[in-house]
């Protein structure tokens, strides 16, 4: 299964020049804790991920240090050069990358590096739960069919 089929396509994005307080408000308004920082590609204008900003980044780098949020922009706090995963990669490869770098989300990019979505642990758990439900259903149906064929 490719991560391009599992990821969420509706990604909340910001620019590195946006104010931190605006990014925090966007997280609140959109009910997300993860923003992909993008810049448009010079050739086709498609969004390219250049960083990520998490609610944890805001807490650790701004609030816990007592820094005035109005003095910062996203570029001051974001994680630069995020690890991304190609939409054509396998779920296993994505899980290996997430484990290696200790994250719960990865930006998903197309063949030219354009942002296509975000893969989260929630997406992965939903997929695996659905697969386990299909296995359980198969086992239940086996019993039902056996009873029907051999009364």
N, C-alpha and C. Protein backbone atom coordinates (compact mmCIF):
# COMPACT_ATOMS: atom_id res chain seq x y z
N UNK A 1 0.85 -1.17 0.00
CA UNK A 1 0.00 0.00 0.00
C UNK A 1 0.90 1.24 0.00
N UNK A 2 0.61 2.16 -0.89
CA UNK A 2 1.39 3.39 -0.99
C UNK A 2 0.85 4.47 -0.05
N UNK A 3 1.78 5.27 0.49
CA UNK A 3 1.36 6.31 1.44
C UNK A 3 0.51 7.38 0.78
N UNK A 4 0.66 7.55 -0.53
CA UNK A 4 -0.17 8.52 -1.24
C UNK A 4 -1.65 8.19 -1.16
N UNK A 5 -1.97 6.90 -0.98
CA UNK A 5 -3.36 6.47 -0.86
C UNK A 5 -3.89 6.60 0.56
N UNK A 6 -2.98 6.71 1.54
CA UNK A 6 -3.38 6.74 2.94
C UNK A 6 -3.40 8.14 3.54
N UNK A 7 -2.61 9.03 2.98
CA UNK A 7 -2.41 10.33 3.61
C UNK A 7 -3.64 11.24 3.45
N UNK A 8 -3.69 12.22 4.31
CA UNK A 8 -4.73 13.24 4.22
C UNK A 8 -4.29 14.28 3.20
N UNK A 9 -5.18 14.55 2.28
CA UNK A 9 -4.85 15.47 1.19
C UNK A 9 -5.06 16.94 1.59
N UNK A 10 -5.98 17.18 2.51
CA UNK A 10 -6.25 18.55 2.96
C UNK A 10 -5.22 18.93 4.01
N UNK A 11 -4.17 19.60 3.58
CA UNK A 11 -3.06 19.96 4.46
C UNK A 11 -3.18 21.43 4.83
N UNK A 12 -2.97 21.73 6.10
CA UNK A 12 -2.97 23.11 6.55
C UNK A 12 -1.52 23.60 6.44
N UNK A 13 -1.34 24.68 5.68
CA UNK A 13 0.01 25.18 5.42
C UNK A 13 0.16 26.63 5.86
N UNK A 14 1.42 27.02 6.06
CA UNK A 14 1.78 28.40 6.37
C UNK A 14 3.05 28.73 5.61
N UNK A 15 3.40 29.99 5.61
CA UNK A 15 4.66 30.45 5.02
C UNK A 15 5.61 30.78 6.16
N UNK A 16 6.90 30.72 5.91
CA UNK A 16 7.86 30.99 6.98
C UNK A 16 7.83 32.44 7.45
N UNK A 17 7.29 33.33 6.64
CA UNK A 17 7.20 34.74 7.03
C UNK A 17 5.95 35.05 7.85
N UNK A 18 5.03 34.09 8.01
CA UNK A 18 3.83 34.31 8.80
C UNK A 18 4.18 34.49 10.28
N UNK A 19 3.38 35.28 10.97
CA UNK A 19 3.59 35.48 12.40
C UNK A 19 3.24 34.21 13.16
N UNK A 20 3.99 33.95 14.22
CA UNK A 20 3.74 32.78 15.07
C UNK A 20 2.33 32.80 15.63
N UNK A 21 1.87 33.97 16.06
CA UNK A 21 0.52 34.05 16.64
C UNK A 21 -0.54 33.69 15.60
N UNK A 22 -0.31 34.04 14.35
CA UNK A 22 -1.24 33.67 13.28
C UNK A 22 -1.23 32.16 13.06
N UNK A 23 -0.05 31.57 13.11
CA UNK A 23 0.06 30.11 12.96
C UNK A 23 -0.65 29.39 14.10
N UNK A 24 -0.48 29.90 15.32
CA UNK A 24 -1.15 29.30 16.47
C UNK A 24 -2.67 29.42 16.34
N UNK A 25 -3.14 30.57 15.89
CA UNK A 25 -4.58 30.75 15.69
C UNK A 25 -5.10 29.81 14.61
N UNK A 26 -4.31 29.60 13.57
CA UNK A 26 -4.69 28.69 12.50
C UNK A 26 -4.81 27.25 13.03
N UNK A 27 -3.87 26.87 13.88
CA UNK A 27 -3.95 25.54 14.51
C UNK A 27 -5.23 25.40 15.31
N UNK A 28 -5.54 26.43 16.09
CA UNK A 28 -6.76 26.40 16.90
C UNK A 28 -8.00 26.33 16.01
N UNK A 29 -8.06 27.19 15.00
CA UNK A 29 -9.25 27.28 14.15
C UNK A 29 -9.46 26.02 13.32
N UNK A 30 -8.38 25.39 12.89
CA UNK A 30 -8.48 24.19 12.03
C UNK A 30 -8.36 22.89 12.83
N UNK A 31 -8.18 23.00 14.15
CA UNK A 31 -8.10 21.84 15.04
C UNK A 31 -6.98 20.89 14.64
N UNK A 32 -5.80 21.45 14.40
CA UNK A 32 -4.63 20.66 14.06
C UNK A 32 -3.45 21.08 14.94
N UNK A 33 -2.48 20.21 15.08
CA UNK A 33 -1.28 20.52 15.84
C UNK A 33 -0.04 20.47 14.98
N UNK A 34 -0.24 20.50 13.64
CA UNK A 34 0.87 20.32 12.71
C UNK A 34 0.60 21.12 11.46
N UNK A 35 1.53 22.01 11.15
CA UNK A 35 1.43 22.81 9.94
C UNK A 35 2.64 22.53 9.06
N UNK A 36 2.42 22.43 7.76
CA UNK A 36 3.53 22.29 6.83
C UNK A 36 3.88 23.69 6.33
N UNK A 37 5.14 24.04 6.45
CA UNK A 37 5.62 25.34 5.98
C UNK A 37 6.03 25.15 4.52
N UNK A 38 5.44 25.96 3.65
CA UNK A 38 5.67 25.79 2.21
C UNK A 38 6.16 27.08 1.57
N UNK A 39 6.82 26.89 0.45
CA UNK A 39 7.19 27.97 -0.45
C UNK A 39 6.81 27.51 -1.85
N UNK A 40 6.34 28.41 -2.71
CA UNK A 40 5.96 27.98 -4.06
C UNK A 40 7.20 27.65 -4.90
N UNK A 41 7.06 26.61 -5.72
CA UNK A 41 8.13 26.25 -6.65
C UNK A 41 8.30 27.37 -7.67
N UNK A 42 9.53 27.67 -8.02
CA UNK A 42 9.79 28.76 -8.95
C UNK A 42 9.28 28.48 -10.36
N UNK A 43 9.19 27.21 -10.73
CA UNK A 43 8.78 26.86 -12.09
C UNK A 43 7.26 26.75 -12.26
N UNK A 44 6.62 26.04 -11.34
CA UNK A 44 5.18 25.80 -11.54
C UNK A 44 4.30 26.34 -10.41
N UNK A 45 4.90 26.92 -9.38
CA UNK A 45 4.12 27.51 -8.30
C UNK A 45 3.55 26.52 -7.30
N UNK A 46 3.79 25.22 -7.49
CA UNK A 46 3.26 24.23 -6.55
C UNK A 46 3.95 24.36 -5.20
N UNK A 47 3.23 24.08 -4.12
CA UNK A 47 3.81 24.23 -2.78
C UNK A 47 4.86 23.16 -2.50
N UNK A 48 6.01 23.59 -2.03
CA UNK A 48 7.11 22.68 -1.66
C UNK A 48 7.33 22.80 -0.16
N UNK A 49 7.33 21.68 0.55
CA UNK A 49 7.57 21.75 1.99
C UNK A 49 9.02 22.13 2.31
N UNK A 50 9.18 23.17 3.10
CA UNK A 50 10.52 23.59 3.53
C UNK A 50 10.68 23.48 5.04
N UNK A 51 9.59 23.16 5.72
CA UNK A 51 9.64 23.01 7.17
C UNK A 51 8.31 22.54 7.71
N UNK A 52 8.29 22.29 9.00
CA UNK A 52 7.05 21.95 9.70
C UNK A 52 7.03 22.71 11.02
N UNK A 53 5.83 22.98 11.49
CA UNK A 53 5.63 23.66 12.76
C UNK A 53 4.58 22.89 13.53
N UNK A 54 4.92 22.50 14.76
CA UNK A 54 3.99 21.74 15.59
C UNK A 54 3.58 22.55 16.80
N UNK A 55 2.49 22.11 17.41
CA UNK A 55 2.06 22.75 18.65
C UNK A 55 3.14 22.59 19.72
N UNK A 56 3.85 21.50 19.68
CA UNK A 56 4.96 21.29 20.63
C UNK A 56 6.08 22.31 20.39
N UNK A 57 6.36 22.63 19.13
CA UNK A 57 7.35 23.67 18.83
C UNK A 57 6.97 24.98 19.50
N UNK A 58 5.69 25.31 19.44
CA UNK A 58 5.22 26.56 20.05
C UNK A 58 5.41 26.55 21.56
N UNK A 59 5.11 25.42 22.17
CA UNK A 59 5.24 25.32 23.63
C UNK A 59 6.71 25.37 24.04
N UNK A 60 7.54 24.55 23.42
CA UNK A 60 8.94 24.42 23.83
C UNK A 60 9.78 25.64 23.44
N UNK A 61 9.57 26.15 22.25
CA UNK A 61 10.44 27.23 21.75
C UNK A 61 9.93 28.64 22.03
N UNK A 62 8.65 28.76 22.34
CA UNK A 62 8.10 30.09 22.56
C UNK A 62 7.60 30.24 24.00
N UNK A 63 6.56 29.51 24.35
CA UNK A 63 5.94 29.67 25.67
C UNK A 63 6.89 29.33 26.82
N UNK A 64 7.56 28.18 26.74
CA UNK A 64 8.43 27.75 27.85
C UNK A 64 9.63 28.67 28.04
N UNK A 65 10.01 29.36 27.00
CA UNK A 65 11.14 30.29 27.10
C UNK A 65 10.71 31.72 27.41
N UNK A 66 9.41 31.94 27.47
CA UNK A 66 8.90 33.26 27.79
C UNK A 66 9.13 34.29 26.70
N UNK A 67 9.24 33.82 25.47
CA UNK A 67 9.46 34.72 24.34
C UNK A 67 8.12 35.31 23.91
N UNK A 68 8.10 36.58 23.62
CA UNK A 68 6.87 37.24 23.16
C UNK A 68 6.54 36.75 21.75
N UNK A 69 5.40 36.07 21.57
CA UNK A 69 5.06 35.51 20.26
C UNK A 69 5.01 36.55 19.14
N UNK A 70 4.62 37.77 19.46
CA UNK A 70 4.50 38.81 18.43
C UNK A 70 5.85 39.21 17.85
N UNK A 71 6.95 38.76 18.48
CA UNK A 71 8.28 39.09 17.98
C UNK A 71 8.84 38.02 17.05
N UNK A 72 8.09 36.94 16.85
CA UNK A 72 8.59 35.80 16.07
C UNK A 72 7.75 35.53 14.85
N UNK A 73 8.39 34.97 13.85
CA UNK A 73 7.65 34.46 12.69
C UNK A 73 7.88 32.94 12.63
N UNK A 74 7.12 32.28 11.80
CA UNK A 74 7.18 30.83 11.68
C UNK A 74 8.60 30.36 11.41
N UNK A 75 9.31 31.07 10.55
CA UNK A 75 10.68 30.69 10.22
C UNK A 75 11.64 30.67 11.39
N UNK A 76 11.31 31.40 12.45
CA UNK A 76 12.16 31.43 13.64
C UNK A 76 12.03 30.17 14.49
N UNK A 77 10.93 29.45 14.33
CA UNK A 77 10.62 28.35 15.23
C UNK A 77 10.52 27.00 14.51
N UNK A 78 10.19 27.01 13.25
CA UNK A 78 9.91 25.77 12.51
C UNK A 78 11.12 24.84 12.46
N UNK A 79 10.83 23.58 12.22
CA UNK A 79 11.86 22.59 11.93
C UNK A 79 12.12 22.67 10.43
N UNK A 80 13.34 22.98 10.09
CA UNK A 80 13.71 23.15 8.67
C UNK A 80 14.05 21.80 8.03
N UNK A 81 13.94 21.77 6.72
CA UNK A 81 14.26 20.58 5.93
C UNK A 81 13.65 19.32 6.54
N UNK A 82 12.33 19.28 6.60
CA UNK A 82 11.69 18.11 7.22
C UNK A 82 11.92 16.86 6.40
N UNK A 83 11.93 15.74 7.08
CA UNK A 83 11.96 14.46 6.38
C UNK A 83 10.60 14.31 5.72
N UNK A 84 10.60 14.01 4.43
CA UNK A 84 9.37 13.81 3.68
C UNK A 84 9.36 12.39 3.14
N UNK A 85 8.20 11.95 2.71
CA UNK A 85 8.07 10.62 2.11
C UNK A 85 7.37 10.77 0.77
N UNK A 86 7.85 10.06 -0.21
CA UNK A 86 7.24 10.10 -1.54
C UNK A 86 5.90 9.37 -1.51
N UNK A 87 4.94 9.89 -2.24
CA UNK A 87 3.60 9.30 -2.29
C UNK A 87 3.65 7.85 -2.77
N UNK A 88 4.65 7.51 -3.54
CA UNK A 88 4.76 6.15 -4.09
C UNK A 88 5.43 5.16 -3.13
N UNK A 89 5.91 5.64 -2.00
CA UNK A 89 6.59 4.75 -1.05
C UNK A 89 5.59 3.90 -0.28
N UNK A 90 6.09 2.81 0.27
CA UNK A 90 5.25 1.87 1.01
C UNK A 90 4.99 2.37 2.43
N UNK A 91 3.95 1.85 3.01
CA UNK A 91 3.63 2.16 4.40
C UNK A 91 4.78 1.72 5.30
N UNK A 92 5.38 0.59 5.01
CA UNK A 92 6.50 0.09 5.80
C UNK A 92 7.66 1.09 5.80
N UNK A 93 7.97 1.64 4.63
CA UNK A 93 9.06 2.62 4.52
C UNK A 93 8.73 3.87 5.34
N UNK A 94 7.47 4.31 5.30
CA UNK A 94 7.05 5.47 6.08
C UNK A 94 7.18 5.20 7.58
N UNK A 95 6.76 4.02 8.01
CA UNK A 95 6.87 3.67 9.42
C UNK A 95 8.34 3.63 9.87
N UNK A 96 9.20 3.11 9.03
CA UNK A 96 10.63 3.08 9.35
C UNK A 96 11.18 4.50 9.52
N UNK A 97 10.80 5.39 8.62
CA UNK A 97 11.27 6.78 8.70
C UNK A 97 10.73 7.45 9.96
N UNK A 98 9.46 7.25 10.26
CA UNK A 98 8.86 7.86 11.44
C UNK A 98 9.54 7.38 12.71
N UNK A 99 9.82 6.10 12.75
CA UNK A 99 10.48 5.52 13.92
C UNK A 99 11.91 6.05 14.05
N UNK A 100 12.62 6.10 12.94
CA UNK A 100 14.02 6.54 12.94
C UNK A 100 14.18 7.96 13.47
N UNK A 101 13.27 8.85 13.07
CA UNK A 101 13.42 10.25 13.48
C UNK A 101 12.48 10.65 14.62
N UNK A 102 11.64 9.72 15.06
CA UNK A 102 10.79 9.97 16.23
C UNK A 102 9.68 10.97 16.01
N UNK A 103 8.95 10.82 14.90
CA UNK A 103 7.82 11.72 14.62
C UNK A 103 6.55 10.92 14.38
N UNK A 104 5.43 11.63 14.47
CA UNK A 104 4.12 11.00 14.26
C UNK A 104 3.48 11.40 12.93
N UNK A 105 4.14 12.30 12.21
CA UNK A 105 3.59 12.78 10.93
C UNK A 105 4.72 13.01 9.94
N UNK A 106 4.40 12.81 8.66
CA UNK A 106 5.36 13.09 7.58
C UNK A 106 4.64 13.79 6.44
N UNK A 107 5.23 14.86 5.90
CA UNK A 107 4.69 15.42 4.67
C UNK A 107 4.89 14.41 3.53
N UNK A 108 3.89 14.31 2.68
CA UNK A 108 3.94 13.39 1.53
C UNK A 108 4.11 14.25 0.28
N UNK A 109 5.09 13.88 -0.53
CA UNK A 109 5.39 14.67 -1.72
C UNK A 109 5.27 13.82 -2.99
N UNK A 110 5.02 14.52 -4.10
CA UNK A 110 4.96 13.88 -5.41
C UNK A 110 6.34 13.73 -6.00
N UNK A 111 6.39 13.29 -7.24
CA UNK A 111 7.66 13.00 -7.89
C UNK A 111 8.53 14.24 -8.08
N UNK A 112 7.93 15.42 -8.11
CA UNK A 112 8.69 16.65 -8.28
C UNK A 112 8.92 17.39 -6.95
N UNK A 113 8.56 16.75 -5.84
CA UNK A 113 8.75 17.36 -4.53
C UNK A 113 7.59 18.22 -4.08
N UNK A 114 6.49 18.23 -4.83
CA UNK A 114 5.34 19.05 -4.47
C UNK A 114 4.54 18.37 -3.35
N UNK A 115 4.02 19.19 -2.45
CA UNK A 115 3.25 18.69 -1.31
C UNK A 115 1.95 18.06 -1.80
N UNK A 116 1.71 16.82 -1.38
CA UNK A 116 0.48 16.13 -1.75
C UNK A 116 -0.39 15.77 -0.56
N UNK A 117 0.19 15.77 0.62
CA UNK A 117 -0.58 15.41 1.79
C UNK A 117 0.29 15.28 3.02
N UNK A 118 -0.32 14.79 4.10
CA UNK A 118 0.40 14.49 5.34
C UNK A 118 -0.05 13.12 5.80
N UNK A 119 0.93 12.28 6.10
CA UNK A 119 0.65 10.95 6.65
C UNK A 119 0.85 11.02 8.15
N UNK A 120 -0.17 10.61 8.90
CA UNK A 120 -0.08 10.65 10.36
C UNK A 120 -0.26 9.25 10.93
N UNK A 121 0.16 9.07 12.16
CA UNK A 121 -0.05 7.80 12.83
C UNK A 121 -1.54 7.47 12.90
N UNK A 122 -2.39 8.49 13.03
CA UNK A 122 -3.83 8.25 13.04
C UNK A 122 -4.28 7.58 11.74
N UNK A 123 -3.76 8.07 10.60
CA UNK A 123 -4.10 7.48 9.32
C UNK A 123 -3.66 6.02 9.26
N UNK A 124 -2.47 5.76 9.77
CA UNK A 124 -1.92 4.40 9.76
C UNK A 124 -2.74 3.49 10.64
N UNK A 125 -3.08 3.95 11.84
CA UNK A 125 -3.88 3.13 12.76
C UNK A 125 -5.25 2.84 12.16
N UNK A 126 -5.88 3.84 11.54
CA UNK A 126 -7.18 3.61 10.89
C UNK A 126 -7.08 2.54 9.81
N UNK A 127 -6.03 2.60 9.03
CA UNK A 127 -5.83 1.62 7.96
C UNK A 127 -5.62 0.22 8.53
N UNK A 128 -4.73 0.12 9.51
CA UNK A 128 -4.46 -1.20 10.11
C UNK A 128 -5.69 -1.75 10.82
N UNK A 129 -6.45 -0.89 11.48
CA UNK A 129 -7.67 -1.34 12.15
C UNK A 129 -8.67 -1.88 11.13
N UNK A 130 -8.77 -1.21 9.99
CA UNK A 130 -9.66 -1.69 8.94
C UNK A 130 -9.23 -3.04 8.40
N UNK A 131 -7.93 -3.23 8.26
CA UNK A 131 -7.42 -4.51 7.78
C UNK A 131 -7.68 -5.62 8.80
N UNK A 132 -7.49 -5.31 10.08
CA UNK A 132 -7.76 -6.30 11.13
C UNK A 132 -9.25 -6.64 11.19
N UNK A 133 -10.09 -5.65 10.95
CA UNK A 133 -11.53 -5.89 10.94
C UNK A 133 -11.90 -6.82 9.78
N UNK A 134 -11.24 -6.66 8.64
CA UNK A 134 -11.49 -7.55 7.50
C UNK A 134 -11.05 -8.97 7.82
N UNK A 135 -9.95 -9.13 8.53
CA UNK A 135 -9.49 -10.47 8.92
C UNK A 135 -10.51 -11.10 9.87
N UNK A 136 -10.95 -10.34 10.86
CA UNK A 136 -11.93 -10.86 11.82
C UNK A 136 -13.23 -11.24 11.12
N UNK A 137 -13.66 -10.42 10.18
CA UNK A 137 -14.87 -10.72 9.42
C UNK A 137 -14.74 -12.00 8.62
N UNK A 138 -13.57 -12.22 8.06
CA UNK A 138 -13.32 -13.45 7.31
C UNK A 138 -13.43 -14.67 8.22
N UNK A 139 -12.88 -14.55 9.41
CA UNK A 139 -12.96 -15.67 10.36
C UNK A 139 -14.40 -15.94 10.78
N UNK A 140 -15.17 -14.88 11.02
CA UNK A 140 -16.59 -15.04 11.39
C UNK A 140 -17.37 -15.68 10.25
N UNK A 141 -17.13 -15.22 9.03
CA UNK A 141 -17.85 -15.77 7.88
C UNK A 141 -17.52 -17.23 7.64
N UNK A 142 -16.30 -17.62 7.95
CA UNK A 142 -15.91 -19.02 7.79
C UNK A 142 -16.80 -19.90 8.66
N UNK A 143 -17.04 -19.46 9.90
CA UNK A 143 -17.88 -20.23 10.80
C UNK A 143 -19.33 -20.24 10.33
N UNK A 144 -19.84 -19.11 9.88
CA UNK A 144 -21.22 -19.02 9.41
C UNK A 144 -21.42 -19.93 8.20
N UNK A 145 -20.50 -19.92 7.27
CA UNK A 145 -20.62 -20.75 6.07
C UNK A 145 -20.54 -22.24 6.42
N UNK A 146 -19.63 -22.58 7.35
CA UNK A 146 -19.52 -23.98 7.76
C UNK A 146 -20.82 -24.48 8.39
N UNK A 147 -21.42 -23.65 9.25
CA UNK A 147 -22.69 -24.04 9.88
C UNK A 147 -23.78 -24.20 8.82
N UNK A 148 -23.81 -23.32 7.82
CA UNK A 148 -24.83 -23.38 6.78
C UNK A 148 -24.64 -24.62 5.89
N UNK A 149 -23.41 -24.99 5.63
CA UNK A 149 -23.13 -26.14 4.75
C UNK A 149 -23.22 -27.47 5.46
N UNK A 150 -22.93 -27.46 6.74
CA UNK A 150 -22.91 -28.72 7.51
C UNK A 150 -23.77 -28.55 8.76
N UNK A 151 -25.07 -28.58 8.57
CA UNK A 151 -25.97 -28.37 9.73
C UNK A 151 -25.90 -29.44 10.79
